[in-house]
Amino acid sequence: MIAEAPMISIIMNCYNCDRFLEDAIDSVYAQTFTDWEIIFWDNASLDKSSQIAKKYDSKLKYFCAKKTTPLGEARNIALQKANGKYICFLDCDDLYLKNKLEKQFSLMEKSQYAMSYGSTIVIDEYDDKIRNERAKYNSGYILEKLLYRYDVNMLSVMIRRSILIDNDLSFLPHLQYCPDYNLFMEIASRYPIGVLPDYIVKYRVLSNSLSRKTLHLVSTENKYTLDHILERDKKISIQYPEAVKAAYSKLHYYNAINFISKDMLNEAKNEIKTVLTQRWEYIILYILLHLHLPKKYLLRLLKR
C-alpha cells in the first residue's frame, strides 16, 4: 500500500546547527496537529546534526547533500522532496509554539489564501524574550501594506504547495540574504494572504547569524525583487504609487544600516539624509547618527 501524503511538509535546512537542533525538532513533535512530515535537508554538516536528526522516527525524512550548496538551492532541493498540501519552514535554532500548525491549517482550509503567516516572539540564545513582533495586517490582498512595511517572518509562514507548482515559484539560488522576501512578495503580488495575529513561533537571534553577515546585500537584493515584481505587473505602480515609492526609499535605509555595521557613520548619515522626509524612523536614525553612539548600540536599536 502507498502511504497517504501528509497534510503539511516542514522544510528544515541544516548546516552545522547541532546546538539548538533537538529543541527545534521537538517543537514539531509537540504540535497539537499531527499530520505532518519533516523534510530534513542536511547540507553536508560536519557537526553532530546528522546524529541528532537520525534519532527520530520516520516522520522525519533525512536527506544529506554530498556537498554544501547555497541556502536557496538547498531549500529548493528540499522542497522537491515535500509531499504535503501545505509547506512550512523551520530553521534549526528556532521553535514552533505547540498550536502553530493547527491554527494555520484551520485558517488555510477555510479560505483560498495562497499563504499565511503569524506573529513572532523573538528570543536570544538563552531562550529569553527580546521582543514581540505582532502581525498587524488584516487578511486579504496586502501587497500595498507589505510594500510600506514588510513584516513576514519566514518561520511563521505556511504556503499552499499548489501555488508554487502552478506558478513555477521557488527560492532564487543567487539571492543570499532574502530569497524568502523574494518568494513571499511574488506570492503576495498575485494572491490574497492570511494573517494570524496569534503568536505561533519563536525566532532566535544569534550574533553570528547569516543575516548579520550579509547586511551589504539587503538593498541590492530587495531592489531586485521590487524591480522584478513591478516589471511583471506594471499595474502595481499605478495602483500603489506611494507604497512603491516607500519601498524604494527604504533601500537607502538598508544601505545606511550596512554603513553603520562597518563603522562608516558619515556615509550612513549621507545615505539616510536622501530619504529623511519619508518616515519618522529615518529622522530618528539621522539624529542618533549625530550622537556618535557605538555601532553595537545603534545596531541593537535598529534590531540588527
C-alpha atoms as a PDB file:
ATOM      1  CA  MET A   1       0.000   0.000   0.000  1.00  0.00           C
ATOM      2  CA  ILE A   2       1.135   3.548  -0.751  1.00  0.00           C
ATOM      3  CA  ALA A   3       1.035   5.771   2.317  1.00  0.00           C
ATOM      4  CA  GLU A   4      -1.088   8.893   2.010  1.00  0.00           C
ATOM      5  CA  ALA A   5       0.818  12.139   1.772  1.00  0.00           C
ATOM      6  CA  PRO A   6       0.794  14.216   4.964  1.00  0.00           C
ATOM      7  CA  MET A   7      -1.138  17.467   5.025  1.00  0.00           C
ATOM      8  CA  ILE A   8       1.926  19.547   5.960  1.00  0.00           C
ATOM      9  CA  SER A   9       5.581  19.288   4.951  1.00  0.00           C
ATOM     10  CA  ILE A  10       8.019  21.163   7.180  1.00  0.00           C
ATOM     11  CA  ILE A  11      11.275  22.092   5.465  1.00  0.00           C
ATOM     12  CA  MET A  12      14.333  22.061   7.736  1.00  0.00           C
ATOM     13  CA  ASN A  13      17.599  23.060   6.068  1.00  0.00           C
ATOM     14  CA  CYS A  14      20.593  22.337   8.251  1.00  0.00           C
ATOM     15  CA  TYR A  15      24.265  23.196   8.082  1.00  0.00           C
ATOM     16  CA  ASN A  16      26.224  22.686  11.315  1.00  0.00           C
ATOM     17  CA  CYS A  17      23.234  23.504  13.511  1.00  0.00           C
ATOM     18  CA  ASP A  18      23.524  20.990  16.335  1.00  0.00           C
ATOM     19  CA  ARG A  19      23.395  23.475  19.238  1.00  0.00           C
ATOM     20  CA  PHE A  20      19.619  24.085  19.195  1.00  0.00           C
ATOM     21  CA  LEU A  21      18.573  21.368  16.757  1.00  0.00           C
ATOM     22  CA  GLU A  22      16.933  18.943  19.174  1.00  0.00           C
ATOM     23  CA  ASP A  23      14.756  21.676  20.680  1.00  0.00           C
ATOM     24  CA  ALA A  24      13.685  22.782  17.189  1.00  0.00           C
ATOM     25  CA  ILE A  25      12.678  19.270  16.111  1.00  0.00           C
ATOM     26  CA  ASP A  26      10.972  18.585  19.435  1.00  0.00           C
ATOM     27  CA  SER A  27       8.808  21.678  18.924  1.00  0.00           C
ATOM     28  CA  VAL A  28       7.366  19.978  15.819  1.00  0.00           C
ATOM     29  CA  TYR A  29       6.783  16.668  17.593  1.00  0.00           C
ATOM     30  CA  ALA A  30       4.943  18.595  20.337  1.00  0.00           C
ATOM     31  CA  GLN A  31       2.399  20.036  17.870  1.00  0.00           C
ATOM     32  CA  THR A  32      -1.319  19.584  18.560  1.00  0.00           C
ATOM     33  CA  PHE A  33      -1.729  18.933  14.816  1.00  0.00           C
ATOM     34  CA  THR A  34      -0.014  15.661  13.943  1.00  0.00           C
ATOM     35  CA  ASP A  35      -0.468  15.078  10.191  1.00  0.00           C
ATOM     36  CA  TRP A  36       2.949  16.350   9.115  1.00  0.00           C
ATOM     37  CA  GLU A  37       6.359  15.312   7.850  1.00  0.00           C
ATOM     38  CA  ILE A  38       9.736  16.939   8.320  1.00  0.00           C
ATOM     39  CA  ILE A  39      11.896  17.157   5.214  1.00  0.00           C
ATOM     40  CA  PHE A  40      15.329  17.413   6.815  1.00  0.00           C
ATOM     41  CA  TRP A  41      17.987  18.518   4.349  1.00  0.00           C
ATOM     42  CA  ASP A  42      21.477  18.179   5.800  1.00  0.00           C
ATOM     43  CA  ASN A  43      23.672  20.488   3.724  1.00  0.00           C
ATOM     44  CA  ALA A  44      26.823  18.391   4.356  1.00  0.00           C
ATOM     45  CA  SER A  45      27.138  19.289   8.056  1.00  0.00           C
ATOM     46  CA  LEU A  46      30.358  18.471   9.895  1.00  0.00           C
ATOM     47  CA  ASP A  47      28.984  18.574  13.449  1.00  0.00           C
ATOM     48  CA  LYS A  48      26.510  16.291  15.274  1.00  0.00           C
ATOM     49  CA  SER A  49      23.449  17.429  13.306  1.00  0.00           C
ATOM     50  CA  SER A  50      23.048  14.132  11.455  1.00  0.00           C
ATOM     51  CA  GLN A  51      23.260  12.098  14.673  1.00  0.00           C
ATOM     52  CA  ILE A  52      20.543  14.201  16.276  1.00  0.00           C
ATOM     53  CA  ALA A  53      18.208  14.097  13.254  1.00  0.00           C
ATOM     54  CA  LYS A  54      18.543  10.349  12.823  1.00  0.00           C
ATOM     55  CA  LYS A  55      17.305   9.706  16.374  1.00  0.00           C
ATOM     56  CA  TYR A  56      13.727  10.492  15.343  1.00  0.00           C
ATOM     57  CA  ASP A  57      11.104   8.261  13.724  1.00  0.00           C
ATOM     58  CA  SER A  58      10.010   8.030  10.095  1.00  0.00           C
ATOM     59  CA  LYS A  59       8.033  11.281  10.266  1.00  0.00           C
ATOM     60  CA  LEU A  60      11.414  12.960   9.937  1.00  0.00           C
ATOM     61  CA  LYS A  61      12.751  12.186   6.464  1.00  0.00           C
ATOM     62  CA  TYR A  62      16.518  12.679   6.490  1.00  0.00           C
ATOM     63  CA  PHE A  63      18.450  13.613   3.347  1.00  0.00           C
ATOM     64  CA  CYS A  64      22.122  14.541   3.125  1.00  0.00           C
ATOM     65  CA  ALA A  65      23.858  16.539   0.407  1.00  0.00           C
ATOM     66  CA  LYS A  66      27.142  15.297  -0.989  1.00  0.00           C
ATOM     67  CA  LYS A  67      28.484  18.827  -0.828  1.00  0.00           C
ATOM     68  CA  THR A  68      27.375  22.119   0.677  1.00  0.00           C
ATOM     69  CA  THR A  69      25.294  24.311  -1.638  1.00  0.00           C
ATOM     70  CA  PRO A  70      23.925  27.896  -1.259  1.00  0.00           C
ATOM     71  CA  LEU A  71      20.894  28.113   1.020  1.00  0.00           C
ATOM     72  CA  GLY A  72      18.428  28.999  -1.742  1.00  0.00           C
ATOM     73  CA  GLU A  73      19.477  25.986  -3.783  1.00  0.00           C
ATOM     74  CA  ALA A  74      19.348  23.724  -0.718  1.00  0.00           C
ATOM     75  CA  ARG A  75      15.827  24.910   0.109  1.00  0.00           C
ATOM     76  CA  ASN A  76      14.670  24.201  -3.436  1.00  0.00           C
ATOM     77  CA  ILE A  77      16.046  20.665  -3.297  1.00  0.00           C
ATOM     78  CA  ALA A  78      14.247  20.105  -0.009  1.00  0.00           C
ATOM     79  CA  LEU A  79      11.018  21.492  -1.489  1.00  0.00           C
ATOM     80  CA  GLN A  80      11.191  18.890  -4.243  1.00  0.00           C
ATOM     81  CA  LYS A  81      11.088  16.175  -1.566  1.00  0.00           C
ATOM     82  CA  ALA A  82       7.943  17.564   0.052  1.00  0.00           C
ATOM     83  CA  ASN A  83       4.629  15.720  -0.291  1.00  0.00           C
ATOM     84  CA  GLY A  84       2.281  17.858   1.780  1.00  0.00           C
ATOM     85  CA  LYS A  85      -0.626  20.015   0.691  1.00  0.00           C
ATOM     86  CA  TYR A  86       0.996  22.842   2.645  1.00  0.00           C
ATOM     87  CA  ILE A  87       4.624  23.868   3.139  1.00  0.00           C
ATOM     88  CA  CYS A  88       6.131  25.307   6.314  1.00  0.00           C
ATOM     89  CA  PHE A  89       9.698  26.209   7.267  1.00  0.00           C
ATOM     90  CA  LEU A  90      11.732  25.769  10.429  1.00  0.00           C
ATOM     91  CA  ASP A  91      15.329  26.827  10.868  1.00  0.00           C
ATOM     92  CA  CYS A  92      17.343  24.695  13.241  1.00  0.00           C
ATOM     93  CA  ASP A  93      17.657  27.265  16.018  1.00  0.00           C
ATOM     94  CA  ASP A  94      14.001  28.356  16.062  1.00  0.00           C
ATOM     95  CA  LEU A  95      10.848  26.944  17.674  1.00  0.00           C
ATOM     96  CA  TYR A  96       7.188  26.365  16.873  1.00  0.00           C
ATOM     97  CA  LEU A  97       4.631  27.050  19.589  1.00  0.00           C
ATOM     98  CA  LYS A  98       2.539  23.935  20.087  1.00  0.00           C
ATOM     99  CA  ASN A  99      -0.588  25.055  18.190  1.00  0.00           C
ATOM    100  CA  LYS A 100       1.213  26.689  15.254  1.00  0.00           C
ATOM    101  CA  LEU A 101       0.279  24.061  12.677  1.00  0.00           C
ATOM    102  CA  GLU A 102      -3.266  23.576  13.974  1.00  0.00           C
ATOM    103  CA  LYS A 103      -4.126  27.272  13.783  1.00  0.00           C
ATOM    104  CA  GLN A 104      -2.639  27.782  10.333  1.00  0.00           C
ATOM    105  CA  PHE A 105      -4.081  24.589   8.888  1.00  0.00           C
ATOM    106  CA  SER A 106      -7.552  25.637  10.068  1.00  0.00           C
ATOM    107  CA  LEU A 107      -7.140  29.096   8.506  1.00  0.00           C
ATOM    108  CA  MET A 108      -5.883  27.730   5.186  1.00  0.00           C
ATOM    109  CA  GLU A 109      -8.549  25.042   4.915  1.00  0.00           C
ATOM    110  CA  LYS A 110     -11.338  27.573   5.469  1.00  0.00           C
ATOM    111  CA  SER A 111     -10.007  30.010   2.878  1.00  0.00           C
ATOM    112  CA  GLN A 112      -8.397  30.320  -0.520  1.00  0.00           C
ATOM    113  CA  TYR A 113      -5.294  32.047   0.807  1.00  0.00           C
ATOM    114  CA  ALA A 114      -2.130  31.179  -1.066  1.00  0.00           C
ATOM    115  CA  MET A 115      -0.035  31.756   2.040  1.00  0.00           C
ATOM    116  CA  SER A 116      -0.433  32.689   5.673  1.00  0.00           C
ATOM    117  CA  TYR A 117       1.823  33.953   8.442  1.00  0.00           C
ATOM    118  CA  GLY A 118       1.528  34.966  12.079  1.00  0.00           C
ATOM    119  CA  SER A 119       3.067  36.815  14.991  1.00  0.00           C
ATOM    120  CA  THR A 120       6.557  36.072  16.301  1.00  0.00           C
ATOM    121  CA  ILE A 121       8.293  36.057  19.679  1.00  0.00           C
ATOM    122  CA  VAL A 122      11.958  36.995  19.257  1.00  0.00           C
ATOM    123  CA  ILE A 123      14.323  35.231  21.693  1.00  0.00           C
ATOM    124  CA  ASP A 124      18.053  35.155  22.367  1.00  0.00           C
ATOM    125  CA  GLU A 125      20.442  32.229  22.638  1.00  0.00           C
ATOM    126  CA  TYR A 126      19.343  31.648  26.251  1.00  0.00           C
ATOM    127  CA  ASP A 127      15.642  31.416  25.317  1.00  0.00           C
ATOM    128  CA  ASP A 128      14.937  34.804  26.917  1.00  0.00           C
ATOM    129  CA  LYS A 129      12.414  37.007  25.136  1.00  0.00           C
ATOM    130  CA  ILE A 130      13.828  40.060  23.387  1.00  0.00           C
ATOM    131  CA  ARG A 131      10.580  41.419  21.951  1.00  0.00           C
ATOM    132  CA  ASN A 132       7.248  40.536  20.384  1.00  0.00           C
ATOM    133  CA  GLU A 133       6.635  41.142  16.684  1.00  0.00           C
ATOM    134  CA  ARG A 134       2.899  41.131  16.046  1.00  0.00           C
ATOM    135  CA  ALA A 135       1.428  40.610  12.590  1.00  0.00           C
ATOM    136  CA  LYS A 136      -0.839  43.661  12.355  1.00  0.00           C
ATOM    137  CA  TYR A 137      -2.473  43.476   8.917  1.00  0.00           C
ATOM    138  CA  ASN A 138      -5.883  42.069   8.083  1.00  0.00           C
ATOM    139  CA  SER A 139      -6.002  39.048   5.784  1.00  0.00           C
ATOM    140  CA  GLY A 140      -6.531  39.690   2.083  1.00  0.00           C
ATOM    141  CA  TYR A 141      -4.596  41.383  -0.706  1.00  0.00           C
ATOM    142  CA  ILE A 142      -1.904  43.024   1.394  1.00  0.00           C
ATOM    143  CA  LEU A 143       0.802  43.809  -1.172  1.00  0.00           C
ATOM    144  CA  GLU A 144       0.399  47.559  -0.650  1.00  0.00           C
ATOM    145  CA  LYS A 145       0.901  47.167   3.113  1.00  0.00           C
ATOM    146  CA  LEU A 146       3.930  44.915   2.633  1.00  0.00           C
ATOM    147  CA  LEU A 147       5.485  47.485   0.316  1.00  0.00           C
ATOM    148  CA  TYR A 148       5.173  50.052   3.094  1.00  0.00           C
ATOM    149  CA  ARG A 149       6.313  47.738   5.897  1.00  0.00           C
ATOM    150  CA  TYR A 150       7.251  44.112   5.332  1.00  0.00           C
ATOM    151  CA  ASP A 151       6.541  42.061   8.456  1.00  0.00           C
ATOM    152  CA  VAL A 152       6.611  38.425   7.292  1.00  0.00           C
ATOM    153  CA  ASN A 153       8.827  36.128   9.343  1.00  0.00           C
ATOM    154  CA  MET A 154       9.648  33.032   7.295  1.00  0.00           C
ATOM    155  CA  LEU A 155       9.395  30.817  10.355  1.00  0.00           C
ATOM    156  CA  SER A 156       5.694  31.632  10.698  1.00  0.00           C
ATOM    157  CA  VAL A 157       4.779  31.026   7.034  1.00  0.00           C
ATOM    158  CA  MET A 158       2.542  28.314   5.569  1.00  0.00           C
ATOM    159  CA  ILE A 159       2.228  28.080   1.766  1.00  0.00           C
ATOM    160  CA  ARG A 160      -0.244  26.164  -0.362  1.00  0.00           C
ATOM    161  CA  ARG A 161       2.138  23.901  -2.326  1.00  0.00           C
ATOM    162  CA  SER A 162      -0.044  24.005  -5.460  1.00  0.00           C
ATOM    163  CA  ILE A 163       0.682  27.756  -5.691  1.00  0.00           C
ATOM    164  CA  LEU A 164       4.397  27.051  -6.031  1.00  0.00           C
ATOM    165  CA  ILE A 165       3.809  24.335  -8.620  1.00  0.00           C
ATOM    166  CA  ASP A 166       1.223  26.221 -10.699  1.00  0.00           C
ATOM    167  CA  ASN A 167       3.353  29.380 -10.880  1.00  0.00           C
ATOM    168  CA  ASP A 168       6.748  27.669 -11.065  1.00  0.00           C
ATOM    169  CA  LEU A 169       7.841  29.587  -7.974  1.00  0.00           C
ATOM    170  CA  SER A 170      10.808  28.712  -5.781  1.00  0.00           C
ATOM    171  CA  PHE A 171      13.711  30.317  -3.937  1.00  0.00           C
ATOM    172  CA  LEU A 172      16.148  32.095  -6.239  1.00  0.00           C
ATOM    173  CA  PRO A 173      19.572  30.494  -5.630  1.00  0.00           C
ATOM    174  CA  HIS A 174      21.557  33.651  -6.386  1.00  0.00           C
ATOM    175  CA  LEU A 175      19.911  35.593  -3.534  1.00  0.00           C
ATOM    176  CA  GLN A 176      21.877  35.157  -0.308  1.00  0.00           C
ATOM    177  CA  TYR A 177      20.175  37.495   2.176  1.00  0.00           C
ATOM    178  CA  CYS A 178      16.488  37.457   1.323  1.00  0.00           C
ATOM    179  CA  PRO A 179      15.345  34.674  -1.042  1.00  0.00           C
ATOM    180  CA  ASP A 180      12.331  34.358   1.262  1.00  0.00           C
ATOM    181  CA  TYR A 181      11.397  38.049   0.751  1.00  0.00           C
ATOM    182  CA  ASN A 182      11.550  37.486  -2.984  1.00  0.00           C
ATOM    183  CA  LEU A 183       9.316  34.405  -2.919  1.00  0.00           C
ATOM    184  CA  PHE A 184       6.758  35.759  -0.467  1.00  0.00           C
ATOM    185  CA  MET A 185       6.449  39.114  -2.242  1.00  0.00           C
ATOM    186  CA  GLU A 186       5.950  37.276  -5.537  1.00  0.00           C
ATOM    187  CA  ILE A 187       3.072  35.372  -3.926  1.00  0.00           C
ATOM    188  CA  ALA A 188       1.607  38.489  -2.270  1.00  0.00           C
ATOM    189  CA  SER A 189       1.671  40.336  -5.604  1.00  0.00           C
ATOM    190  CA  ARG A 190      -0.640  37.687  -7.086  1.00  0.00           C
ATOM    191  CA  TYR A 191      -2.812  36.247  -4.289  1.00  0.00           C
ATOM    192  CA  PRO A 192      -4.601  37.077  -1.020  1.00  0.00           C
ATOM    193  CA  ILE A 193      -2.629  36.301   2.142  1.00  0.00           C
ATOM    194  CA  GLY A 194      -3.901  35.072   5.507  1.00  0.00           C
ATOM    195  CA  VAL A 195      -2.612  36.901   8.588  1.00  0.00           C
ATOM    196  CA  LEU A 196      -2.823  35.424  12.097  1.00  0.00           C
ATOM    197  CA  PRO A 197      -2.443  37.908  14.963  1.00  0.00           C
ATOM    198  CA  ASP A 198      -1.658  34.950  17.270  1.00  0.00           C
ATOM    199  CA  TYR A 199       1.921  34.313  18.390  1.00  0.00           C
ATOM    200  CA  ILE A 200       2.814  30.979  16.807  1.00  0.00           C
ATOM    201  CA  VAL A 201       6.640  30.826  16.658  1.00  0.00           C
ATOM    202  CA  LYS A 202       9.826  31.771  18.499  1.00  0.00           C
ATOM    203  CA  TYR A 203      12.568  33.234  16.322  1.00  0.00           C
ATOM    204  CA  ARG A 204      16.069  33.110  17.748  1.00  0.00           C
ATOM    205  CA  VAL A 205      18.530  35.953  17.147  1.00  0.00           C
ATOM    206  CA  LEU A 206      22.220  34.994  17.271  1.00  0.00           C
ATOM    207  CA  SER A 207      25.251  37.253  16.998  1.00  0.00           C
ATOM    208  CA  ASN A 208      26.793  35.109  14.245  1.00  0.00           C
ATOM    209  CA  SER A 209      23.640  34.675  12.164  1.00  0.00           C
ATOM    210  CA  LEU A 210      23.796  34.694   8.364  1.00  0.00           C
ATOM    211  CA  SER A 211      21.560  37.785   8.221  1.00  0.00           C
ATOM    212  CA  ARG A 212      24.130  39.807  10.155  1.00  0.00           C
ATOM    213  CA  LYS A 213      26.920  38.681   7.859  1.00  0.00           C
ATOM    214  CA  THR A 214      25.100  39.697   4.686  1.00  0.00           C
ATOM    215  CA  LEU A 215      23.820  43.198   5.519  1.00  0.00           C
ATOM    216  CA  HIS A 216      25.674  44.534   2.490  1.00  0.00           C
ATOM    217  CA  LEU A 217      23.317  42.563   0.222  1.00  0.00           C
ATOM    218  CA  VAL A 218      19.970  43.714   1.633  1.00  0.00           C
ATOM    219  CA  SER A 219      19.456  46.798  -0.515  1.00  0.00           C
ATOM    220  CA  THR A 220      20.618  45.164  -3.753  1.00  0.00           C
ATOM    221  CA  GLU A 221      18.530  42.027  -3.302  1.00  0.00           C
ATOM    222  CA  ASN A 222      15.392  43.870  -2.199  1.00  0.00           C
ATOM    223  CA  LYS A 223      15.710  46.135  -5.233  1.00  0.00           C
ATOM    224  CA  TYR A 224      15.987  43.054  -7.448  1.00  0.00           C
ATOM    225  CA  THR A 225      12.684  41.772  -6.064  1.00  0.00           C
ATOM    226  CA  LEU A 226      10.897  45.101  -6.400  1.00  0.00           C
ATOM    227  CA  ASP A 227      12.152  45.614  -9.957  1.00  0.00           C
ATOM    228  CA  HIS A 228      11.071  42.106 -10.968  1.00  0.00           C
ATOM    229  CA  ILE A 229       7.569  42.355  -9.483  1.00  0.00           C
ATOM    230  CA  LEU A 230       6.913  45.789 -10.970  1.00  0.00           C
ATOM    231  CA  GLU A 231       8.200  44.724 -14.381  1.00  0.00           C
ATOM    232  CA  ARG A 232       5.998  41.619 -14.375  1.00  0.00           C
ATOM    233  CA  ASP A 233       2.879  43.524 -13.326  1.00  0.00           C
ATOM    234  CA  LYS A 234       3.036  47.173 -14.336  1.00  0.00           C
ATOM    235  CA  LYS A 235      -0.385  47.868 -12.776  1.00  0.00           C
ATOM    236  CA  ILE A 236       1.159  47.731  -9.299  1.00  0.00           C
ATOM    237  CA  SER A 237       2.995  51.045  -9.769  1.00  0.00           C
ATOM    238  CA  ILE A 238      -0.244  52.655 -10.954  1.00  0.00           C
ATOM    239  CA  GLN A 239      -2.360  51.201  -8.118  1.00  0.00           C
ATOM    240  CA  TYR A 240       0.088  51.858  -5.282  1.00  0.00           C
ATOM    241  CA  PRO A 241       2.450  54.686  -6.300  1.00  0.00           C
ATOM    242  CA  GLU A 242       3.114  55.910  -2.741  1.00  0.00           C
ATOM    243  CA  ALA A 243       3.726  52.401  -1.416  1.00  0.00           C
ATOM    244  CA  VAL A 244       6.163  51.685  -4.251  1.00  0.00           C
ATOM    245  CA  LYS A 245       7.980  54.960  -3.510  1.00  0.00           C
ATOM    246  CA  ALA A 246       8.209  53.993   0.168  1.00  0.00           C
ATOM    247  CA  ALA A 247       9.603  50.563  -0.682  1.00  0.00           C
ATOM    248  CA  TYR A 248      12.350  52.024  -2.855  1.00  0.00           C
ATOM    249  CA  SER A 249      13.181  54.719  -0.295  1.00  0.00           C
ATOM    250  CA  LYS A 250      13.804  52.011   2.276  1.00  0.00           C
ATOM    251  CA  LEU A 251      16.703  50.756   0.162  1.00  0.00           C
ATOM    252  CA  HIS A 252      18.620  53.832   1.367  1.00  0.00           C
ATOM    253  CA  TYR A 253      17.768  52.894   4.944  1.00  0.00           C
ATOM    254  CA  TYR A 254      19.234  49.426   4.387  1.00  0.00           C
ATOM    255  CA  ASN A 255      22.360  50.997   2.890  1.00  0.00           C
ATOM    256  CA  ALA A 256      22.682  53.173   5.985  1.00  0.00           C
ATOM    257  CA  ILE A 257      22.474  50.107   8.256  1.00  0.00           C
ATOM    258  CA  ASN A 258      25.221  48.454   6.237  1.00  0.00           C
ATOM    259  CA  PHE A 259      27.416  51.529   6.623  1.00  0.00           C
ATOM    260  CA  ILE A 260      26.745  51.542  10.377  1.00  0.00           C
ATOM    261  CA  SER A 261      27.822  47.892  10.615  1.00  0.00           C
ATOM    262  CA  LYS A 262      31.132  48.935   9.030  1.00  0.00           C
ATOM    263  CA  ASP A 263      31.569  51.965  11.340  1.00  0.00           C
ATOM    264  CA  MET A 264      31.146  54.302   8.348  1.00  0.00           C
ATOM    265  CA  LEU A 265      28.839  56.733  10.152  1.00  0.00           C
ATOM    266  CA  ASN A 266      29.316  59.716   7.838  1.00  0.00           C
ATOM    267  CA  GLU A 267      28.358  57.569   4.860  1.00  0.00           C
ATOM    268  CA  ALA A 268      25.320  56.344   6.823  1.00  0.00           C
ATOM    269  CA  LYS A 269      24.280  59.965   7.515  1.00  0.00           C
ATOM    270  CA  ASN A 270      24.527  60.887   3.851  1.00  0.00           C
ATOM    271  CA  GLU A 271      22.547  57.810   2.809  1.00  0.00           C
ATOM    272  CA  ILE A 272      19.654  58.333   5.222  1.00  0.00           C
ATOM    273  CA  LYS A 273      19.594  62.080   4.521  1.00  0.00           C
ATOM    274  CA  THR A 274      18.389  61.404   0.963  1.00  0.00           C
ATOM    275  CA  VAL A 275      15.095  59.943   2.273  1.00  0.00           C
ATOM    276  CA  LEU A 276      14.827  61.892   5.519  1.00  0.00           C
ATOM    277  CA  THR A 277      11.268  63.124   4.972  1.00  0.00           C
ATOM    278  CA  GLN A 278       9.826  59.737   4.021  1.00  0.00           C
ATOM    279  CA  ARG A 279       9.434  58.253   7.539  1.00  0.00           C
ATOM    280  CA  TRP A 280       9.810  59.403  11.111  1.00  0.00           C
ATOM    281  CA  GLU A 281      12.129  56.411  11.742  1.00  0.00           C
ATOM    282  CA  TYR A 282      14.596  57.871   9.254  1.00  0.00           C
ATOM    283  CA  ILE A 283      14.619  61.183  11.114  1.00  0.00           C
ATOM    284  CA  ILE A 284      15.286  59.405  14.404  1.00  0.00           C
ATOM    285  CA  LEU A 285      18.131  57.409  12.855  1.00  0.00           C
ATOM    286  CA  TYR A 286      19.615  60.604  11.426  1.00  0.00           C
ATOM    287  CA  ILE A 287      19.551  62.181  14.899  1.00  0.00           C
ATOM    288  CA  LEU A 288      21.071  59.072  16.510  1.00  0.00           C
ATOM    289  CA  LEU A 289      23.892  59.123  13.989  1.00  0.00           C
ATOM    290  CA  HIS A 290      24.848  62.598  15.239  1.00  0.00           C
ATOM    291  CA  LEU A 291      25.139  61.355  18.832  1.00  0.00           C
ATOM    292  CA  HIS A 292      28.238  59.299  17.992  1.00  0.00           C
ATOM    293  CA  LEU A 293      26.934  56.139  19.680  1.00  0.00           C
ATOM    294  CA  PRO A 294      28.988  52.943  19.281  1.00  0.00           C
ATOM    295  CA  LYS A 295      27.832  50.871  16.346  1.00  0.00           C
ATOM    296  CA  LYS A 296      26.760  47.939  18.547  1.00  0.00           C
ATOM    297  CA  TYR A 297      24.210  50.176  20.300  1.00  0.00           C
ATOM    298  CA  LEU A 298      22.977  51.632  17.039  1.00  0.00           C
ATOM    299  CA  LEU A 299      22.541  48.166  15.546  1.00  0.00           C
ATOM    300  CA  ARG A 300      20.744  46.975  18.651  1.00  0.00           C
ATOM    301  CA  LEU A 301      18.333  49.923  18.442  1.00  0.00           C
ATOM    302  CA  LEU A 302      17.774  49.035  14.795  1.00  0.00           C
ATOM    303  CA  LYS A 303      17.091  45.390  15.790  1.00  0.00           C
ATOM    304  CA  ARG A 304      20.105  44.127  13.856  1.00  0.00           C
END
